[in-house]
């Protein structure tokens, strides 16, 4: 097993990925909550997000000095009976991968969207306008 330390806790770093088509099915069936980890530095240039997505600060997620409990408590309330799908726009998907691992460690059914928002958009799936800052 490959491991890393996050907030003093060692955890598995295997990626848990969900493809855009499967993600869309889960979202449209009401079985998933979506977390948008788009950086505010590029948010205006991204021109959209997955409908209903909750924004989460990628800076908070990537802060390696934050403890797991602090990170999870700073998120919107997440139901444990739904799939959590996280996405970002960064090429290496670091923020969504890290958040997915943290949420899985806390017992959530969390997945990162393969290819992030660019893959969702390329598939022609629905988008909504970004909320005003």
Protein backbone atom coordinates (compact mmCIF):
# COMPACT_ATOMS: atom_id res chain seq x y z
CA UNK A 1 0.00 0.00 0.00
CA UNK A 2 1.18 3.50 -0.82
CA UNK A 3 0.59 5.95 2.03
CA UNK A 4 0.94 9.62 2.90
CA UNK A 5 0.53 11.64 6.07
CA UNK A 6 -2.34 14.11 6.21
CA UNK A 7 -2.80 16.10 9.40
CA UNK A 8 -0.70 13.61 11.31
CA UNK A 9 -2.72 10.62 10.08
CA UNK A 10 -1.28 8.08 7.65
CA UNK A 11 -3.71 7.14 4.92
CA UNK A 12 -4.00 5.19 1.69
CA UNK A 13 -3.36 7.34 -1.40
CA UNK A 14 -4.99 5.14 -4.04
CA UNK A 15 -7.28 7.23 -6.23
CA UNK A 16 -10.98 6.48 -6.20
CA UNK A 17 -12.25 7.67 -9.57
CA UNK A 18 -15.68 7.92 -11.16
CA UNK A 19 -16.10 8.56 -14.87
CA UNK A 20 -18.27 11.49 -16.01
CA UNK A 21 -21.08 9.27 -17.38
CA UNK A 22 -21.46 7.33 -14.12
CA UNK A 23 -21.19 10.55 -12.13
CA UNK A 24 -23.95 12.14 -14.20
CA UNK A 25 -26.24 9.15 -13.63
CA UNK A 26 -25.69 9.34 -9.86
CA UNK A 27 -26.23 13.10 -9.75
CA UNK A 28 -29.41 13.00 -11.86
CA UNK A 29 -30.78 10.13 -9.74
CA UNK A 30 -30.30 12.27 -6.62
CA UNK A 31 -27.77 9.80 -5.25
CA UNK A 32 -24.75 12.13 -5.20
CA UNK A 33 -23.50 15.42 -3.79
CA UNK A 34 -20.92 17.31 -5.85
CA UNK A 35 -18.01 19.32 -4.45
CA UNK A 36 -16.30 21.91 -6.67
CA UNK A 37 -12.67 22.56 -5.78
CA UNK A 38 -12.00 25.18 -8.47
CA UNK A 39 -9.43 27.74 -7.36
CA UNK A 40 -10.86 31.24 -6.88
CA UNK A 41 -7.84 32.48 -8.84
CA UNK A 42 -9.20 30.89 -12.01
CA UNK A 43 -12.89 30.58 -11.13
CA UNK A 44 -13.90 33.47 -13.39
CA UNK A 45 -12.10 31.95 -16.35
CA UNK A 46 -13.68 28.52 -15.90
CA UNK A 47 -17.14 29.71 -16.99
CA UNK A 48 -19.33 27.23 -15.23
CA UNK A 49 -19.63 24.35 -12.86
CA UNK A 50 -21.57 21.13 -12.44
CA UNK A 51 -25.15 22.05 -11.50
CA UNK A 52 -25.74 22.07 -7.74
CA UNK A 53 -22.07 21.73 -6.83
CA UNK A 54 -20.92 23.11 -3.48
CA UNK A 55 -17.69 25.09 -3.62
CA UNK A 56 -14.88 23.98 -1.31
CA UNK A 57 -11.64 25.92 -0.94
CA UNK A 58 -8.83 23.96 -2.59
CA UNK A 59 -6.38 25.94 -0.48
CA UNK A 60 -7.94 24.52 2.69
CA UNK A 61 -7.90 21.00 1.26
CA UNK A 62 -4.25 21.24 0.22
CA UNK A 63 -3.09 22.72 3.55
CA UNK A 64 -1.01 19.84 4.87
CA UNK A 65 -1.00 21.33 8.37
CA UNK A 66 -4.78 20.93 8.81
CA UNK A 67 -6.03 17.95 10.77
CA UNK A 68 -8.63 15.69 9.20
CA UNK A 69 -11.34 16.70 11.67
CA UNK A 70 -10.77 20.39 10.92
CA UNK A 71 -10.96 19.83 7.19
CA UNK A 72 -14.16 17.78 7.33
CA UNK A 73 -15.85 20.15 9.80
CA UNK A 74 -15.21 23.04 7.40
CA UNK A 75 -17.17 21.36 4.59
CA UNK A 76 -20.87 21.78 3.88
CA UNK A 77 -22.91 19.17 5.76
CA UNK A 78 -22.48 15.95 3.81
CA UNK A 79 -25.02 13.15 4.02
CA UNK A 80 -23.51 9.74 4.67
CA UNK A 81 -26.13 7.99 2.56
CA UNK A 82 -25.07 9.71 -0.68
CA UNK A 83 -22.05 9.42 -2.93
CA UNK A 84 -19.71 12.40 -2.75
CA UNK A 85 -18.13 13.43 -6.06
CA UNK A 86 -15.26 15.93 -5.96
CA UNK A 87 -13.75 17.67 -8.95
CA UNK A 88 -11.24 20.37 -9.69
CA UNK A 89 -9.76 21.98 -12.76
CA UNK A 90 -6.11 21.43 -11.98
CA UNK A 91 -4.26 19.14 -14.41
CA UNK A 92 -3.06 16.72 -11.74
CA UNK A 93 -6.39 16.70 -9.82
CA UNK A 94 -4.48 17.03 -6.56
CA UNK A 95 -7.19 18.86 -4.59
CA UNK A 96 -10.02 16.49 -5.50
CA UNK A 97 -7.80 13.43 -4.94
CA UNK A 98 -6.78 14.62 -1.48
CA UNK A 99 -10.34 15.51 -0.46
CA UNK A 100 -11.58 12.14 -1.69
CA UNK A 101 -8.98 10.32 0.43
CA UNK A 102 -9.84 12.40 3.50
CA UNK A 103 -13.57 11.77 3.12
CA UNK A 104 -13.05 8.04 2.56
CA UNK A 105 -10.98 7.93 5.72
CA UNK A 106 -13.97 9.46 7.52
CA UNK A 107 -16.32 6.79 6.16
CA UNK A 108 -17.88 8.63 3.19
CA UNK A 109 -18.47 7.05 -0.21
CA UNK A 110 -16.27 9.64 -1.94
CA UNK A 111 -14.96 9.68 -5.50
CA UNK A 112 -13.00 12.06 -7.67
CA UNK A 113 -14.32 12.86 -11.12
CA UNK A 114 -11.94 11.41 -13.70
CA UNK A 115 -10.66 14.28 -15.84
CA UNK A 116 -12.30 16.86 -13.57
CA UNK A 117 -14.51 19.60 -14.92
CA UNK A 118 -12.80 19.61 -18.35
CA UNK A 119 -13.93 15.99 -18.92
CA UNK A 120 -17.48 16.82 -17.79
CA UNK A 121 -17.62 19.77 -20.18
CA UNK A 122 -16.08 17.77 -23.05
CA UNK A 123 -18.83 15.16 -22.65
CA UNK A 124 -21.39 17.91 -23.24
CA UNK A 125 -23.00 17.47 -19.84
CA UNK A 126 -25.03 20.24 -18.17
CA UNK A 127 -23.25 23.25 -16.70
CA UNK A 128 -24.51 26.16 -14.64
CA UNK A 129 -23.04 29.64 -14.30
CA UNK A 130 -20.59 30.26 -11.49
CA UNK A 131 -22.05 32.10 -8.52
CA UNK A 132 -20.94 35.70 -8.08
CA UNK A 133 -18.12 36.05 -5.59
